[in-house]
Amino acid sequence: MQLHITQAGADTIVAVHASRLDASIAPQFKTDMMEIINGGARRIVLDMSAVKLIDSSGLGTLVSLLKSLNGQGSIVIRGPSPTVLGLFKLTRMDRVFTIESTPATV
């Protein structure tokens, strides 16, 4: 999995360069993201514009990452596809994560 990481002020912007965030990718994604969190990132903006499908493993990983911030940070989902956004709404995770429709410029 390729992640492109940039810094914009207090925001750590992570562009996910994968078409799927599913059970086959979620463990490596979590490992990579935990390195970013352990490196001190507290406001993470995930550019999900390339992700076309997310399953329960991917969603569970995002929730786990948010919990690892212990209420001292946030994860913003930016640029989700209609399918990904639909899953966030169906599971009501759109109430847990801030979702921005505009993709990040990286």
N, C-alpha and C. Protein backbone atom coordinates (compact mmCIF):
# COMPACT_ATOMS: atom_id res chain seq x y z
N MET A 1 0.85 -1.18 0.00
CA MET A 1 0.00 0.00 0.00
C MET A 1 0.88 1.23 0.00
N GLN A 2 0.53 2.17 -0.82
CA GLN A 2 1.28 3.40 -0.87
C GLN A 2 0.50 4.52 -0.19
N LEU A 3 1.19 5.22 0.68
CA LEU A 3 0.64 6.40 1.34
C LEU A 3 1.56 7.55 1.01
N HIS A 4 0.96 8.67 0.63
CA HIS A 4 1.73 9.89 0.36
C HIS A 4 1.42 10.84 1.51
N ILE A 5 2.45 11.21 2.26
CA ILE A 5 2.26 12.00 3.47
C ILE A 5 2.83 13.40 3.27
N THR A 6 2.01 14.41 3.57
CA THR A 6 2.46 15.79 3.55
C THR A 6 1.98 16.48 4.82
N GLN A 7 2.61 17.59 5.13
CA GLN A 7 2.23 18.36 6.30
C GLN A 7 1.68 19.70 5.83
N ALA A 8 0.56 20.12 6.38
CA ALA A 8 -0.03 21.42 6.09
C ALA A 8 -0.43 22.05 7.42
N GLY A 9 0.46 22.80 7.98
CA GLY A 9 0.20 23.37 9.30
C GLY A 9 0.14 22.25 10.33
N ALA A 10 -0.94 22.20 11.09
CA ALA A 10 -1.13 21.15 12.09
C ALA A 10 -1.66 19.86 11.49
N ASP A 11 -2.07 19.91 10.21
CA ASP A 11 -2.66 18.74 9.56
C ASP A 11 -1.59 17.84 8.95
N THR A 12 -1.72 16.56 9.20
CA THR A 12 -0.92 15.56 8.50
C THR A 12 -1.85 14.97 7.43
N ILE A 13 -1.56 15.26 6.18
CA ILE A 13 -2.41 14.79 5.09
C ILE A 13 -1.82 13.49 4.56
N VAL A 14 -2.65 12.45 4.57
CA VAL A 14 -2.24 11.13 4.12
C VAL A 14 -3.11 10.75 2.94
N ALA A 15 -2.52 10.71 1.75
CA ALA A 15 -3.24 10.29 0.55
C ALA A 15 -3.09 8.79 0.42
N VAL A 16 -4.22 8.10 0.39
CA VAL A 16 -4.24 6.65 0.27
C VAL A 16 -4.28 6.30 -1.21
N HIS A 17 -3.22 5.67 -1.70
CA HIS A 17 -3.13 5.30 -3.11
C HIS A 17 -3.45 3.82 -3.27
N ALA A 18 -4.71 3.48 -3.04
CA ALA A 18 -5.20 2.12 -3.21
C ALA A 18 -6.67 2.21 -3.59
N SER A 19 -7.12 1.32 -4.44
CA SER A 19 -8.52 1.37 -4.85
C SER A 19 -9.44 0.71 -3.83
N ARG A 20 -8.85 -0.10 -2.94
CA ARG A 20 -9.64 -0.80 -1.93
C ARG A 20 -8.99 -0.67 -0.56
N LEU A 21 -9.82 -0.55 0.44
CA LEU A 21 -9.36 -0.63 1.82
C LEU A 21 -10.16 -1.77 2.44
N ASP A 22 -9.64 -2.98 2.27
CA ASP A 22 -10.36 -4.18 2.70
C ASP A 22 -9.46 -5.07 3.54
N ALA A 23 -9.93 -6.29 3.82
CA ALA A 23 -9.21 -7.20 4.71
C ALA A 23 -7.80 -7.51 4.23
N SER A 24 -7.57 -7.47 2.93
CA SER A 24 -6.23 -7.80 2.42
C SER A 24 -5.23 -6.67 2.64
N ILE A 25 -5.71 -5.46 2.83
CA ILE A 25 -4.84 -4.29 2.96
C ILE A 25 -4.88 -3.69 4.37
N ALA A 26 -5.97 -3.89 5.09
CA ALA A 26 -6.18 -3.23 6.37
C ALA A 26 -5.04 -3.43 7.38
N PRO A 27 -4.46 -4.64 7.53
CA PRO A 27 -3.38 -4.78 8.53
C PRO A 27 -2.16 -3.91 8.22
N GLN A 28 -1.73 -3.88 6.97
CA GLN A 28 -0.58 -3.04 6.61
C GLN A 28 -0.91 -1.56 6.72
N PHE A 29 -2.14 -1.19 6.33
CA PHE A 29 -2.60 0.19 6.45
C PHE A 29 -2.54 0.63 7.92
N LYS A 30 -3.02 -0.24 8.81
CA LYS A 30 -3.02 0.10 10.23
C LYS A 30 -1.59 0.27 10.75
N THR A 31 -0.69 -0.64 10.35
CA THR A 31 0.70 -0.54 10.77
C THR A 31 1.32 0.79 10.31
N ASP A 32 1.10 1.12 9.03
CA ASP A 32 1.64 2.36 8.49
C ASP A 32 1.06 3.59 9.19
N MET A 33 -0.24 3.56 9.43
CA MET A 33 -0.89 4.70 10.08
C MET A 33 -0.46 4.83 11.54
N MET A 34 -0.24 3.71 12.23
CA MET A 34 0.21 3.78 13.62
C MET A 34 1.60 4.40 13.71
N GLU A 35 2.44 4.17 12.71
CA GLU A 35 3.75 4.84 12.68
C GLU A 35 3.57 6.35 12.61
N ILE A 36 2.60 6.79 11.83
CA ILE A 36 2.33 8.23 11.70
C ILE A 36 1.81 8.79 13.01
N ILE A 37 0.89 8.07 13.64
CA ILE A 37 0.32 8.51 14.92
C ILE A 37 1.41 8.50 16.00
N ASN A 38 2.19 7.44 16.06
CA ASN A 38 3.26 7.36 17.06
C ASN A 38 4.33 8.41 16.81
N GLY A 39 4.41 8.92 15.58
CA GLY A 39 5.34 10.00 15.25
C GLY A 39 4.85 11.37 15.69
N GLY A 40 3.64 11.43 16.26
CA GLY A 40 3.14 12.69 16.81
C GLY A 40 1.99 13.33 16.08
N ALA A 41 1.52 12.74 14.99
CA ALA A 41 0.38 13.33 14.26
C ALA A 41 -0.87 13.27 15.13
N ARG A 42 -1.58 14.38 15.21
CA ARG A 42 -2.81 14.42 16.00
C ARG A 42 -4.03 14.79 15.17
N ARG A 43 -3.86 15.53 14.11
CA ARG A 43 -4.98 15.82 13.20
C ARG A 43 -4.58 15.24 11.86
N ILE A 44 -5.22 14.12 11.53
CA ILE A 44 -4.90 13.39 10.32
C ILE A 44 -6.02 13.57 9.31
N VAL A 45 -5.66 14.00 8.12
CA VAL A 45 -6.61 14.15 7.02
C VAL A 45 -6.31 13.04 6.04
N LEU A 46 -7.25 12.09 5.92
CA LEU A 46 -7.07 10.97 4.99
C LEU A 46 -7.72 11.31 3.66
N ASP A 47 -6.91 11.48 2.64
CA ASP A 47 -7.43 11.71 1.29
C ASP A 47 -7.80 10.34 0.74
N MET A 48 -9.10 10.05 0.71
CA MET A 48 -9.60 8.75 0.30
C MET A 48 -10.16 8.79 -1.12
N SER A 49 -9.79 9.80 -1.90
CA SER A 49 -10.38 9.96 -3.24
C SER A 49 -10.04 8.82 -4.18
N ALA A 50 -8.95 8.10 -3.96
CA ALA A 50 -8.58 6.97 -4.82
C ALA A 50 -9.26 5.67 -4.39
N VAL A 51 -9.79 5.65 -3.17
CA VAL A 51 -10.41 4.44 -2.63
C VAL A 51 -11.84 4.32 -3.16
N LYS A 52 -12.10 3.24 -3.84
CA LYS A 52 -13.43 3.02 -4.43
C LYS A 52 -14.28 2.05 -3.62
N LEU A 53 -13.63 1.26 -2.75
CA LEU A 53 -14.36 0.28 -1.95
C LEU A 53 -13.71 0.16 -0.58
N ILE A 54 -14.54 0.10 0.44
CA ILE A 54 -14.06 -0.13 1.80
C ILE A 54 -14.99 -1.17 2.41
N ASP A 55 -14.40 -2.14 3.11
CA ASP A 55 -15.24 -3.15 3.76
C ASP A 55 -15.18 -2.97 5.27
N SER A 56 -15.78 -3.92 6.01
CA SER A 56 -15.84 -3.79 7.47
C SER A 56 -14.45 -3.80 8.10
N SER A 57 -13.51 -4.52 7.50
CA SER A 57 -12.14 -4.52 8.03
C SER A 57 -11.50 -3.14 7.91
N GLY A 58 -11.69 -2.51 6.76
CA GLY A 58 -11.16 -1.17 6.56
C GLY A 58 -11.80 -0.16 7.50
N LEU A 59 -13.11 -0.27 7.64
CA LEU A 59 -13.83 0.64 8.53
C LEU A 59 -13.40 0.41 9.97
N GLY A 60 -13.26 -0.85 10.36
CA GLY A 60 -12.80 -1.18 11.71
C GLY A 60 -11.42 -0.64 11.98
N THR A 61 -10.55 -0.68 10.98
CA THR A 61 -9.21 -0.14 11.12
C THR A 61 -9.25 1.36 11.37
N LEU A 62 -10.11 2.06 10.63
CA LEU A 62 -10.23 3.51 10.83
C LEU A 62 -10.71 3.83 12.25
N VAL A 63 -11.68 3.05 12.75
CA VAL A 63 -12.17 3.26 14.11
C VAL A 63 -11.06 2.98 15.12
N SER A 64 -10.31 1.92 14.90
CA SER A 64 -9.19 1.58 15.78
C SER A 64 -8.15 2.69 15.81
N LEU A 65 -7.84 3.26 14.66
CA LEU A 65 -6.88 4.35 14.59
C LEU A 65 -7.39 5.57 15.36
N LEU A 66 -8.67 5.87 15.21
CA LEU A 66 -9.26 6.99 15.93
C LEU A 66 -9.17 6.77 17.43
N LYS A 67 -9.47 5.54 17.87
CA LYS A 67 -9.38 5.23 19.30
C LYS A 67 -7.95 5.35 19.81
N SER A 68 -6.97 5.03 18.97
CA SER A 68 -5.58 5.10 19.40
C SER A 68 -5.14 6.54 19.69
N LEU A 69 -5.90 7.51 19.19
CA LEU A 69 -5.60 8.91 19.47
C LEU A 69 -6.08 9.34 20.86
N ASN A 70 -6.82 8.47 21.53
CA ASN A 70 -7.27 8.70 22.91
C ASN A 70 -7.97 10.03 23.12
N GLY A 71 -8.77 10.45 22.16
CA GLY A 71 -9.50 11.70 22.30
C GLY A 71 -8.62 12.94 22.17
N GLN A 72 -7.35 12.76 21.83
CA GLN A 72 -6.43 13.89 21.73
C GLN A 72 -6.06 14.18 20.28
N GLY A 73 -6.94 13.78 19.38
CA GLY A 73 -6.69 14.02 17.96
C GLY A 73 -7.93 13.70 17.17
N SER A 74 -7.81 13.83 15.86
CA SER A 74 -8.96 13.55 15.00
C SER A 74 -8.50 13.00 13.66
N ILE A 75 -9.43 12.32 13.02
CA ILE A 75 -9.21 11.82 11.67
C ILE A 75 -10.32 12.39 10.79
N VAL A 76 -9.92 13.09 9.74
CA VAL A 76 -10.85 13.65 8.78
C VAL A 76 -10.79 12.79 7.52
N ILE A 77 -11.94 12.40 7.01
CA ILE A 77 -12.02 11.63 5.76
C ILE A 77 -12.31 12.64 4.66
N ARG A 78 -11.39 12.76 3.71
CA ARG A 78 -11.54 13.76 2.66
C ARG A 78 -11.68 13.09 1.29
N GLY A 79 -12.66 13.56 0.52
CA GLY A 79 -12.84 13.12 -0.86
C GLY A 79 -13.30 11.69 -1.06
N PRO A 80 -14.18 11.16 -0.18
CA PRO A 80 -14.59 9.77 -0.39
C PRO A 80 -15.46 9.61 -1.64
N SER A 81 -15.34 8.46 -2.29
CA SER A 81 -16.20 8.16 -3.44
C SER A 81 -17.64 7.99 -2.95
N PRO A 82 -18.61 8.05 -3.84
CA PRO A 82 -20.00 7.84 -3.42
C PRO A 82 -20.22 6.51 -2.70
N THR A 83 -19.53 5.46 -3.14
CA THR A 83 -19.67 4.15 -2.51
C THR A 83 -19.13 4.17 -1.09
N VAL A 84 -17.95 4.75 -0.91
CA VAL A 84 -17.34 4.84 0.41
C VAL A 84 -18.19 5.74 1.32
N LEU A 85 -18.63 6.85 0.81
CA LEU A 85 -19.48 7.75 1.59
C LEU A 85 -20.77 7.05 2.00
N GLY A 86 -21.33 6.25 1.09
CA GLY A 86 -22.55 5.50 1.40
C GLY A 86 -22.35 4.55 2.57
N LEU A 87 -21.21 3.90 2.63
CA LEU A 87 -20.93 2.99 3.74
C LEU A 87 -20.80 3.76 5.05
N PHE A 88 -20.14 4.90 5.01
CA PHE A 88 -20.03 5.72 6.22
C PHE A 88 -21.42 6.15 6.71
N LYS A 89 -22.29 6.50 5.79
CA LYS A 89 -23.64 6.91 6.19
C LYS A 89 -24.46 5.72 6.69
N LEU A 90 -24.36 4.59 6.00
CA LEU A 90 -25.11 3.39 6.38
C LEU A 90 -24.74 2.93 7.78
N THR A 91 -23.47 3.00 8.11
CA THR A 91 -22.99 2.56 9.42
C THR A 91 -22.99 3.68 10.46
N ARG A 92 -23.41 4.85 10.03
CA ARG A 92 -23.46 6.05 10.88
C ARG A 92 -22.07 6.51 11.34
N MET A 93 -21.06 6.07 10.64
CA MET A 93 -19.70 6.52 10.94
C MET A 93 -19.49 7.95 10.48
N ASP A 94 -20.43 8.47 9.68
CA ASP A 94 -20.34 9.88 9.31
C ASP A 94 -20.60 10.78 10.50
N ARG A 95 -21.07 10.21 11.61
CA ARG A 95 -21.25 10.96 12.84
C ARG A 95 -20.02 10.89 13.73
N VAL A 96 -19.15 9.93 13.44
CA VAL A 96 -17.94 9.73 14.23
C VAL A 96 -16.76 10.47 13.60
N PHE A 97 -16.67 10.39 12.28
CA PHE A 97 -15.58 11.03 11.54
C PHE A 97 -16.09 12.30 10.86
N THR A 98 -15.25 13.30 10.77
CA THR A 98 -15.56 14.47 9.96
C THR A 98 -15.30 14.07 8.52
N ILE A 99 -16.26 14.35 7.63
CA ILE A 99 -16.11 14.00 6.23
C ILE A 99 -16.17 15.26 5.40
N GLU A 100 -15.13 15.45 4.58
CA GLU A 100 -15.05 16.59 3.68
C GLU A 100 -15.09 16.07 2.25
N SER A 101 -15.89 16.70 1.41
CA SER A 101 -16.07 16.20 0.05
C SER A 101 -14.94 16.57 -0.89
N THR A 102 -14.17 17.60 -0.58
CA THR A 102 -13.11 18.05 -1.48
C THR A 102 -11.84 17.23 -1.25
N PRO A 103 -11.29 16.61 -2.31
CA PRO A 103 -10.04 15.88 -2.15
C PRO A 103 -8.89 16.82 -1.81
N ALA A 104 -7.92 16.27 -1.09
CA ALA A 104 -6.72 17.06 -0.74
C ALA A 104 -5.89 17.28 -1.99
N THR A 105 -5.14 18.35 -1.99
CA THR A 105 -4.22 18.59 -3.11
C THR A 105 -2.83 18.21 -2.65
N VAL A 106 -2.35 17.09 -3.15
CA VAL A 106 -1.01 16.61 -2.76
C VAL A 106 -0.21 16.34 -4.00
